[in-house]
Amino acid sequence: MLGAASEIPVGGGTVYTAAKVVVTQPASGQYKAFSAVCTHVGCIVNTVTNGTIGCPCHGSEFRIASGAVVTGPAPAPLPARQIKIVGGQVILL
């Protein structure tokens, strides 16, 4: 279990550092999960703002709906991770 789905803001997301996963909610009730390991040099992403997931090391940004690169130097999207919502809790599969 990662945490409560209610803690993930619509249009934003939450980084679960220990699990190395970021969970986003691009639209109400639509949850997405991605690896929190940046595809550039392996730093852990640390922000989810303005529709993007941000990496603190070199400024790479990724879309919250797809994990796609918005701003480099990351060469590839964040890999998707599988989650499900059970009893209001986010479960990493």
PDB file of N, CA and C in Angstrom:
ATOM      1  N   MET A   1       0.836  -1.177   0.000  1.00  0.00           N
ATOM      2  CA  MET A   1       0.000   0.000   0.000  1.00  0.00           C
ATOM      3  C   MET A   1       0.886   1.248   0.000  1.00  0.00           C
ATOM      4  N   LEU A   2       0.566   2.172  -0.895  1.00  0.00           N
ATOM      5  CA  LEU A   2       1.342   3.405  -0.980  1.00  0.00           C
ATOM      6  C   LEU A   2       0.763   4.507  -0.096  1.00  0.00           C
ATOM      7  N   GLY A   3      -0.561   4.670  -0.119  1.00  0.00           N
ATOM      8  CA  GLY A   3      -1.203   5.730   0.648  1.00  0.00           C
ATOM      9  C   GLY A   3      -2.633   5.898   0.194  1.00  0.00           C
ATOM     10  N   ALA A   4      -3.275   6.929   0.716  1.00  0.00           N
ATOM     11  CA  ALA A   4      -4.679   7.190   0.401  1.00  0.00           C
ATOM     12  C   ALA A   4      -4.817   7.866  -0.958  1.00  0.00           C
ATOM     13  N   ALA A   5      -5.751   7.379  -1.759  1.00  0.00           N
ATOM     14  CA  ALA A   5      -6.016   7.985  -3.064  1.00  0.00           C
ATOM     15  C   ALA A   5      -6.451   9.438  -2.903  1.00  0.00           C
ATOM     16  N   SER A   6      -7.095   9.757  -1.791  1.00  0.00           N
ATOM     17  CA  SER A   6      -7.571  11.124  -1.559  1.00  0.00           C
ATOM     18  C   SER A   6      -6.424  12.120  -1.389  1.00  0.00           C
ATOM     19  N   GLU A   7      -5.212  11.637  -1.130  1.00  0.00           N
ATOM     20  CA  GLU A   7      -4.044  12.509  -0.969  1.00  0.00           C
ATOM     21  C   GLU A   7      -3.424  12.917  -2.303  1.00  0.00           C
ATOM     22  N   ILE A   8      -3.904  12.314  -3.407  1.00  0.00           N
ATOM     23  CA  ILE A   8      -3.349  12.611  -4.724  1.00  0.00           C
ATOM     24  C   ILE A   8      -4.237  13.656  -5.390  1.00  0.00           C
ATOM     25  N   PRO A   9      -3.724  14.884  -5.570  1.00  0.00           N
ATOM     26  CA  PRO A   9      -4.568  15.953  -6.110  1.00  0.00           C
ATOM     27  C   PRO A   9      -4.895  15.765  -7.589  1.00  0.00           C
ATOM     28  N   VAL A  10      -6.108  16.176  -7.977  1.00  0.00           N
ATOM     29  CA  VAL A  10      -6.486  16.171  -9.389  1.00  0.00           C
ATOM     30  C   VAL A  10      -5.569  17.165 -10.113  1.00  0.00           C
ATOM     31  N   GLY A  11      -4.996  16.727 -11.224  1.00  0.00           N
ATOM     32  CA  GLY A  11      -4.068  17.565 -11.977  1.00  0.00           C
ATOM     33  C   GLY A  11      -2.663  17.569 -11.397  1.00  0.00           C
ATOM     34  N   GLY A  12      -2.427  16.728 -10.419  1.00  0.00           N
ATOM     35  CA  GLY A  12      -1.116  16.654  -9.768  1.00  0.00           C
ATOM     36  C   GLY A  12      -0.755  15.219  -9.453  1.00  0.00           C
ATOM     37  N   GLY A  13       0.015  15.050  -8.391  1.00  0.00           N
ATOM     38  CA  GLY A  13       0.425  13.709  -8.025  1.00  0.00           C
ATOM     39  C   GLY A  13       1.237  13.699  -6.751  1.00  0.00           C
ATOM     40  N   THR A  14       1.646  12.490  -6.368  1.00  0.00           N
ATOM     41  CA  THR A  14       2.427  12.275  -5.160  1.00  0.00           C
ATOM     42  C   THR A  14       3.588  11.347  -5.489  1.00  0.00           C
ATOM     43  N   VAL A  15       4.779  11.694  -4.995  1.00  0.00           N
ATOM     44  CA  VAL A  15       5.955  10.859  -5.170  1.00  0.00           C
ATOM     45  C   VAL A  15       6.125  10.014  -3.911  1.00  0.00           C
ATOM     46  N   TYR A  16       6.173   8.696  -4.092  1.00  0.00           N
ATOM     47  CA  TYR A  16       6.419   7.769  -2.989  1.00  0.00           C
ATOM     48  C   TYR A  16       7.875   7.316  -3.119  1.00  0.00           C
ATOM     49  N   THR A  17       8.749   8.045  -2.435  1.00  0.00           N
ATOM     50  CA  THR A  17      10.186   7.862  -2.595  1.00  0.00           C
ATOM     51  C   THR A  17      10.643   6.448  -2.235  1.00  0.00           C
ATOM     52  N   ALA A  18      10.157   5.909  -1.127  1.00  0.00           N
ATOM     53  CA  ALA A  18      10.590   4.584  -0.681  1.00  0.00           C
ATOM     54  C   ALA A  18      10.284   3.506  -1.721  1.00  0.00           C
ATOM     55  N   ALA A  19       9.121   3.630  -2.384  1.00  0.00           N
ATOM     56  CA  ALA A  19       8.718   2.650  -3.394  1.00  0.00           C
ATOM     57  C   ALA A  19       9.237   3.012  -4.788  1.00  0.00           C
ATOM     58  N   LYS A  20       9.836   4.207  -4.914  1.00  0.00           N
ATOM     59  CA  LYS A  20      10.336   4.704  -6.204  1.00  0.00           C
ATOM     60  C   LYS A  20       9.239   4.713  -7.266  1.00  0.00           C
ATOM     61  N   VAL A  21       8.086   5.264  -6.867  1.00  0.00           N
ATOM     62  CA  VAL A  21       6.955   5.365  -7.781  1.00  0.00           C
ATOM     63  C   VAL A  21       6.283   6.723  -7.590  1.00  0.00           C
ATOM     64  N   VAL A  22       5.742   7.258  -8.677  1.00  0.00           N
ATOM     65  CA  VAL A  22       4.959   8.495  -8.623  1.00  0.00           C
ATOM     66  C   VAL A  22       3.565   8.176  -9.135  1.00  0.00           C
ATOM     67  N   VAL A  23       2.550   8.579  -8.368  1.00  0.00           N
ATOM     68  CA  VAL A  23       1.156   8.342  -8.741  1.00  0.00           C
ATOM     69  C   VAL A  23       0.531   9.689  -9.036  1.00  0.00           C
ATOM     70  N   THR A  24      -0.127   9.797 -10.196  1.00  0.00           N
ATOM     71  CA  THR A  24      -0.752  11.041 -10.619  1.00  0.00           C
ATOM     72  C   THR A  24      -2.253  10.849 -10.809  1.00  0.00           C
ATOM     73  N   GLN A  25      -2.958  11.965 -10.850  1.00  0.00           N
ATOM     74  CA  GLN A  25      -4.400  11.958 -11.130  1.00  0.00           C
ATOM     75  C   GLN A  25      -4.679  13.041 -12.179  1.00  0.00           C
ATOM     76  N   PRO A  26      -4.431  12.708 -13.460  1.00  0.00           N
ATOM     77  CA  PRO A  26      -4.610  13.705 -14.529  1.00  0.00           C
ATOM     78  C   PRO A  26      -6.026  14.255 -14.613  1.00  0.00           C
ATOM     79  N   ALA A  27      -7.017  13.427 -14.317  1.00  0.00           N
ATOM     80  CA  ALA A  27      -8.424  13.842 -14.288  1.00  0.00           C
ATOM     81  C   ALA A  27      -9.070  13.158 -13.091  1.00  0.00           C
ATOM     82  N   SER A  28     -10.136  13.730 -12.604  1.00  0.00           N
ATOM     83  CA  SER A  28     -10.789  13.189 -11.417  1.00  0.00           C
ATOM     84  C   SER A  28     -11.099  11.695 -11.568  1.00  0.00           C
ATOM     85  N   GLY A  29     -10.585  10.898 -10.638  1.00  0.00           N
ATOM     86  CA  GLY A  29     -10.820   9.451 -10.643  1.00  0.00           C
ATOM     87  C   GLY A  29      -9.935   8.659 -11.587  1.00  0.00           C
ATOM     88  N   GLN A  30      -9.056   9.329 -12.316  1.00  0.00           N
ATOM     89  CA  GLN A  30      -8.155   8.654 -13.267  1.00  0.00           C
ATOM     90  C   GLN A  30      -6.747   8.673 -12.670  1.00  0.00           C
ATOM     91  N   TYR A  31      -6.281   7.517 -12.222  1.00  0.00           N
ATOM     92  CA  TYR A  31      -4.966   7.425 -11.586  1.00  0.00           C
ATOM     93  C   TYR A  31      -3.963   6.756 -12.513  1.00  0.00           C
ATOM     94  N   LYS A  32      -2.752   7.296 -12.536  1.00  0.00           N
ATOM     95  CA  LYS A  32      -1.657   6.742 -13.335  1.00  0.00           C
ATOM     96  C   LYS A  32      -0.456   6.579 -12.407  1.00  0.00           C
ATOM     97  N   ALA A  33       0.396   5.623 -12.718  1.00  0.00           N
ATOM     98  CA  ALA A  33       1.608   5.435 -11.917  1.00  0.00           C
ATOM     99  C   ALA A  33       2.789   5.206 -12.845  1.00  0.00           C
ATOM    100  N   PHE A  34       3.930   5.751 -12.425  1.00  0.00           N
ATOM    101  CA  PHE A  34       5.162   5.653 -13.199  1.00  0.00           C
ATOM    102  C   PHE A  34       6.328   5.415 -12.249  1.00  0.00           C
ATOM    103  N   SER A  35       7.397   4.875 -12.796  1.00  0.00           N
ATOM    104  CA  SER A  35       8.635   4.801 -12.030  1.00  0.00           C
ATOM    105  C   SER A  35       9.041   6.221 -11.664  1.00  0.00           C
ATOM    106  N   ALA A  36       9.549   6.402 -10.444  1.00  0.00           N
ATOM    107  CA  ALA A  36      10.011   7.724 -10.013  1.00  0.00           C
ATOM    108  C   ALA A  36      11.496   7.916 -10.316  1.00  0.00           C
ATOM    109  N   VAL A  37      12.081   6.954 -11.025  1.00  0.00           N
ATOM    110  CA  VAL A  37      13.501   7.030 -11.367  1.00  0.00           C
ATOM    111  C   VAL A  37      13.633   7.704 -12.732  1.00  0.00           C
ATOM    112  N   CYS A  38      14.246   8.878 -12.752  1.00  0.00           N
ATOM    113  CA  CYS A  38      14.420   9.620 -13.996  1.00  0.00           C
ATOM    114  C   CYS A  38      15.223   8.801 -14.999  1.00  0.00           C
ATOM    115  N   THR A  39      14.808   8.854 -16.253  1.00  0.00           N
ATOM    116  CA  THR A  39      15.476   8.076 -17.304  1.00  0.00           C
ATOM    117  C   THR A  39      16.777   8.721 -17.775  1.00  0.00           C
ATOM    118  N   HIS A  40      17.154   9.860 -17.201  1.00  0.00           N
ATOM    119  CA  HIS A  40      18.405  10.511 -17.574  1.00  0.00           C
ATOM    120  C   HIS A  40      19.583   9.863 -16.856  1.00  0.00           C
ATOM    121  N   VAL A  41      19.727  10.110 -15.539  1.00  0.00           N
ATOM    122  CA  VAL A  41      20.835   9.501 -14.799  1.00  0.00           C
ATOM    123  C   VAL A  41      20.376   8.806 -13.518  1.00  0.00           C
ATOM    124  N   GLY A  42      19.071   8.576 -13.401  1.00  0.00           N
ATOM    125  CA  GLY A  42      18.579   7.770 -12.292  1.00  0.00           C
ATOM    126  C   GLY A  42      18.242   8.506 -11.010  1.00  0.00           C
ATOM    127  N   CYS A  43      18.147   9.824 -11.049  1.00  0.00           N
ATOM    128  CA  CYS A  43      17.701  10.565  -9.864  1.00  0.00           C
ATOM    129  C   CYS A  43      16.217  10.264  -9.621  1.00  0.00           C
ATOM    130  N   ILE A  44      15.774  10.488  -8.388  1.00  0.00           N
ATOM    131  CA  ILE A  44      14.366  10.300  -8.065  1.00  0.00           C
ATOM    132  C   ILE A  44      13.629  11.621  -8.293  1.00  0.00           C
ATOM    133  N   VAL A  45      12.549  11.565  -9.089  1.00  0.00           N
ATOM    134  CA  VAL A  45      11.754  12.775  -9.317  1.00  0.00           C
ATOM    135  C   VAL A  45      11.195  13.238  -7.976  1.00  0.00           C
ATOM    136  N   ASN A  46      10.942  14.549  -7.843  1.00  0.00           N
ATOM    137  CA  ASN A  46      10.516  15.019  -6.521  1.00  0.00           C
ATOM    138  C   ASN A  46       9.358  16.008  -6.523  1.00  0.00           C
ATOM    139  N   THR A  47       8.882  16.422  -7.700  1.00  0.00           N
ATOM    140  CA  THR A  47       7.763  17.365  -7.733  1.00  0.00           C
ATOM    141  C   THR A  47       6.731  16.947  -8.762  1.00  0.00           C
ATOM    142  N   VAL A  48       5.490  17.319  -8.496  1.00  0.00           N
ATOM    143  CA  VAL A  48       4.415  17.157  -9.472  1.00  0.00           C
ATOM    144  C   VAL A  48       3.630  18.460  -9.444  1.00  0.00           C
ATOM    145  N   THR A  49       3.884  19.314 -10.464  1.00  0.00           N
ATOM    146  CA  THR A  49       3.225  20.619 -10.527  1.00  0.00           C
ATOM    147  C   THR A  49       2.930  20.980 -11.978  1.00  0.00           C
ATOM    148  N   ASN A  50       1.874  21.748 -12.171  1.00  0.00           N
ATOM    149  CA  ASN A  50       1.512  22.255 -13.501  1.00  0.00           C
ATOM    150  C   ASN A  50       1.449  21.164 -14.572  1.00  0.00           C
ATOM    151  N   GLY A  51       0.952  19.987 -14.199  1.00  0.00           N
ATOM    152  CA  GLY A  51       0.781  18.912 -15.165  1.00  0.00           C
ATOM    153  C   GLY A  51       2.045  18.149 -15.521  1.00  0.00           C
ATOM    154  N   THR A  52       3.137  18.411 -14.783  1.00  0.00           N
ATOM    155  CA  THR A  52       4.371  17.686 -15.066  1.00  0.00           C
ATOM    156  C   THR A  52       5.000  17.124 -13.798  1.00  0.00           C
ATOM    157  N   ILE A  53       5.768  16.072 -14.006  1.00  0.00           N
ATOM    158  CA  ILE A  53       6.564  15.432 -12.961  1.00  0.00           C
ATOM    159  C   ILE A  53       7.984  15.933 -13.161  1.00  0.00           C
ATOM    160  N   GLY A  54       8.598  16.492 -12.116  1.00  0.00           N
ATOM    161  CA  GLY A  54       9.906  17.112 -12.263  1.00  0.00           C
ATOM    162  C   GLY A  54      11.032  16.370 -11.576  1.00  0.00           C
ATOM    163  N   CYS A  55      12.189  16.386 -12.225  1.00  0.00           N
ATOM    164  CA  CYS A  55      13.400  15.808 -11.663  1.00  0.00           C
ATOM    165  C   CYS A  55      14.314  16.943 -11.191  1.00  0.00           C
ATOM    166  N   PRO A  56      14.830  16.854  -9.957  1.00  0.00           N
ATOM    167  CA  PRO A  56      15.640  17.944  -9.412  1.00  0.00           C
ATOM    168  C   PRO A  56      17.072  17.989  -9.956  1.00  0.00           C
ATOM    169  N   CYS A  57      17.548  16.920 -10.540  1.00  0.00           N
ATOM    170  CA  CYS A  57      18.967  16.861 -10.913  1.00  0.00           C
ATOM    171  C   CYS A  57      19.328  17.719 -12.125  1.00  0.00           C
ATOM    172  N   HIS A  58      18.599  17.564 -13.229  1.00  0.00           N
ATOM    173  CA  HIS A  58      18.955  18.293 -14.446  1.00  0.00           C
ATOM    174  C   HIS A  58      17.744  18.936 -15.119  1.00  0.00           C
ATOM    175  N   GLY A  59      16.610  18.976 -14.406  1.00  0.00           N
ATOM    176  CA  GLY A  59      15.452  19.702 -14.902  1.00  0.00           C
ATOM    177  C   GLY A  59      14.545  18.974 -15.867  1.00  0.00           C
ATOM    178  N   SER A  60      14.691  17.659 -15.993  1.00  0.00           N
ATOM    179  CA  SER A  60      13.780  16.924 -16.872  1.00  0.00           C
ATOM    180  C   SER A  60      12.358  16.999 -16.324  1.00  0.00           C
ATOM    181  N   GLU A  61      11.384  17.043 -17.241  1.00  0.00           N
ATOM    182  CA  GLU A  61       9.980  17.049 -16.861  1.00  0.00           C
ATOM    183  C   GLU A  61       9.221  16.038 -17.708  1.00  0.00           C
ATOM    184  N   PHE A  62       8.207  15.426 -17.095  1.00  0.00           N
ATOM    185  CA  PHE A  62       7.427  14.371 -17.735  1.00  0.00           C
ATOM    186  C   PHE A  62       5.942  14.669 -17.559  1.00  0.00           C
ATOM    187  N   ARG A  63       5.112  14.280 -18.540  1.00  0.00           N
ATOM    188  CA  ARG A  63       3.662  14.495 -18.464  1.00  0.00           C
ATOM    189  C   ARG A  63       3.034  13.577 -17.409  1.00  0.00           C
ATOM    190  N   ILE A  64       2.077  14.152 -16.625  1.00  0.00           N
ATOM    191  CA  ILE A  64       1.442  13.353 -15.573  1.00  0.00           C
ATOM    192  C   ILE A  64       0.498  12.288 -16.126  1.00  0.00           C
ATOM    193  N   ALA A  65       0.016  12.457 -17.359  1.00  0.00           N
ATOM    194  CA  ALA A  65      -0.932  11.495 -17.925  1.00  0.00           C
ATOM    195  C   ALA A  65      -0.251  10.323 -18.622  1.00  0.00           C
ATOM    196  N   SER A  66       0.985  10.533 -19.100  1.00  0.00           N
ATOM    197  CA  SER A  66       1.624   9.489 -19.909  1.00  0.00           C
ATOM    198  C   SER A  66       3.061   9.156 -19.509  1.00  0.00           C
ATOM    199  N   GLY A  67       3.681  10.021 -18.725  1.00  0.00           N
ATOM    200  CA  GLY A  67       5.095   9.826 -18.391  1.00  0.00           C
ATOM    201  C   GLY A  67       6.028  10.290 -19.491  1.00  0.00           C
ATOM    202  N   ALA A  68       5.478  10.824 -20.589  1.00  0.00           N
ATOM    203  CA  ALA A  68       6.281  11.260 -21.729  1.00  0.00           C
ATOM    204  C   ALA A  68       7.160  12.451 -21.360  1.00  0.00           C
ATOM    205  N   VAL A  69       8.317  12.538 -21.992  1.00  0.00           N
ATOM    206  CA  VAL A  69       9.244  13.640 -21.754  1.00  0.00           C
ATOM    207  C   VAL A  69       8.666  14.937 -22.314  1.00  0.00           C
ATOM    208  N   VAL A  70       8.630  15.976 -21.471  1.00  0.00           N
ATOM    209  CA  VAL A  70       8.226  17.315 -21.890  1.00  0.00           C
ATOM    210  C   VAL A  70       9.482  18.150 -22.103  1.00  0.00           C
ATOM    211  N   THR A  71      10.407  18.059 -21.157  1.00  0.00           N
ATOM    212  CA  THR A  71      11.661  18.805 -21.187  1.00  0.00           C
ATOM    213  C   THR A  71      12.792  17.848 -20.844  1.00  0.00           C
ATOM    214  N   GLY A  72      13.848  17.841 -21.668  1.00  0.00           N
ATOM    215  CA  GLY A  72      14.999  16.970 -21.430  1.00  0.00           C
ATOM    216  C   GLY A  72      15.903  17.526 -20.358  1.00  0.00           C
ATOM    217  N   PRO A  73      16.987  16.827 -20.104  1.00  0.00           N
ATOM    218  CA  PRO A  73      17.705  15.908 -20.981  1.00  0.00           C
ATOM    219  C   PRO A  73      17.275  14.446 -20.938  1.00  0.00           C
ATOM    220  N   ALA A  74      16.239  14.089 -20.197  1.00  0.00           N
ATOM    221  CA  ALA A  74      15.810  12.690 -20.159  1.00  0.00           C
ATOM    222  C   ALA A  74      15.550  12.180 -21.573  1.00  0.00           C
ATOM    223  N   PRO A  75      16.097  10.992 -21.922  1.00  0.00           N
ATOM    224  CA  PRO A  75      15.960  10.486 -23.281  1.00  0.00           C
ATOM    225  C   PRO A  75      14.707   9.653 -23.531  1.00  0.00           C
ATOM    226  N   ALA A  76      14.008   9.262 -22.455  1.00  0.00           N
ATOM    227  CA  ALA A  76      12.874   8.347 -22.610  1.00  0.00           C
ATOM    228  C   ALA A  76      11.821   8.663 -21.546  1.00  0.00           C
ATOM    229  N   PRO A  77      10.569   8.251 -21.794  1.00  0.00           N
ATOM    230  CA  PRO A  77       9.514   8.486 -20.807  1.00  0.00           C
ATOM    231  C   PRO A  77       9.744   7.682 -19.530  1.00  0.00           C
ATOM    232  N   LEU A  78       9.048   8.088 -18.472  1.00  0.00           N
ATOM    233  CA  LEU A  78       9.064   7.295 -17.245  1.00  0.00           C
ATOM    234  C   LEU A  78       8.267   6.019 -17.493  1.00  0.00           C
ATOM    235  N   PRO A  79       8.807   4.857 -17.143  1.00  0.00           N
ATOM    236  CA  PRO A  79       8.068   3.609 -17.354  1.00  0.00           C
ATOM    237  C   PRO A  79       6.810   3.550 -16.480  1.00  0.00           C
ATOM    238  N   ALA A  80       5.728   3.068 -17.063  1.00  0.00           N
ATOM    239  CA  ALA A  80       4.475   2.918 -16.324  1.00  0.00           C
ATOM    240  C   ALA A  80       4.613   1.831 -15.270  1.00  0.00           C
ATOM    241  N   ARG A  81       3.924   2.013 -14.155  1.00  0.00           N
ATOM    242  CA  ARG A  81       3.823   1.003 -13.097  1.00  0.00           C
ATOM    243  C   ARG A  81       2.346   0.685 -12.913  1.00  0.00           C
ATOM    244  N   GLN A  82       2.049  -0.498 -12.439  1.00  0.00           N
ATOM    245  CA  GLN A  82       0.664  -0.929 -12.263  1.00  0.00           C
ATOM    246  C   GLN A  82       0.205  -0.669 -10.831  1.00  0.00           C
ATOM    247  N   ILE A  83      -0.957  -0.014 -10.706  1.00  0.00           N
ATOM    248  CA  ILE A  83      -1.568   0.222  -9.404  1.00  0.00           C
ATOM    249  C   ILE A  83      -3.045  -0.110  -9.488  1.00  0.00           C
ATOM    250  N   LYS A  84      -3.669  -0.218  -8.337  1.00  0.00           N
ATOM    251  CA  LYS A  84      -5.133  -0.272  -8.280  1.00  0.00           C
ATOM    252  C   LYS A  84      -5.564   0.445  -7.009  1.00  0.00           C
ATOM    253  N   ILE A  85      -6.778   0.928  -7.024  1.00  0.00           N
ATOM    254  CA  ILE A  85      -7.348   1.610  -5.863  1.00  0.00           C
ATOM    255  C   ILE A  85      -8.284   0.624  -5.182  1.00  0.00           C
ATOM    256  N   VAL A  86      -8.008   0.313  -3.912  1.00  0.00           N
ATOM    257  CA  VAL A  86      -8.815  -0.633  -3.139  1.00  0.00           C
ATOM    258  C   VAL A  86      -9.169   0.025  -1.807  1.00  0.00           C
ATOM    259  N   GLY A  87     -10.445   0.193  -1.574  1.00  0.00           N
ATOM    260  CA  GLY A  87     -10.878   0.804  -0.314  1.00  0.00           C
ATOM    261  C   GLY A  87     -10.296   2.183  -0.090  1.00  0.00           C
ATOM    262  N   GLY A  88     -10.114   2.922  -1.183  1.00  0.00           N
ATOM    263  CA  GLY A  88      -9.583   4.276  -1.092  1.00  0.00           C
ATOM    264  C   GLY A  88      -8.073   4.338  -0.939  1.00  0.00           C
ATOM    265  N   GLN A  89      -7.407   3.193  -0.997  1.00  0.00           N
ATOM    266  CA  GLN A  89      -5.951   3.134  -0.859  1.00  0.00           C
ATOM    267  C   GLN A  89      -5.303   2.793  -2.194  1.00  0.00           C
ATOM    268  N   VAL A  90      -4.136   3.365  -2.454  1.00  0.00           N
ATOM    269  CA  VAL A  90      -3.379   3.087  -3.671  1.00  0.00           C
ATOM    270  C   VAL A  90      -2.496   1.879  -3.403  1.00  0.00           C
ATOM    271  N   ILE A  91      -2.684   0.831  -4.180  1.00  0.00           N
ATOM    272  CA  ILE A  91      -1.914  -0.401  -4.039  1.00  0.00           C
ATOM    273  C   ILE A  91      -1.024  -0.565  -5.252  1.00  0.00           C
ATOM    274  N   LEU A  92       0.278  -0.745  -5.016  1.00  0.00           N
ATOM    275  CA  LEU A  92       1.242  -1.004  -6.088  1.00  0.00           C
ATOM    276  C   LEU A  92       1.235  -2.489  -6.376  1.00  0.00           C
ATOM    277  N   LEU A  93       1.007  -2.848  -7.646  1.00  0.00           N
ATOM    278  CA  LEU A  93       0.948  -4.263  -8.027  1.00  0.00           C
ATOM    279  C   LEU A  93       2.299  -4.805  -8.419  1.00  0.00           C
TER     280      LEU A  93
END
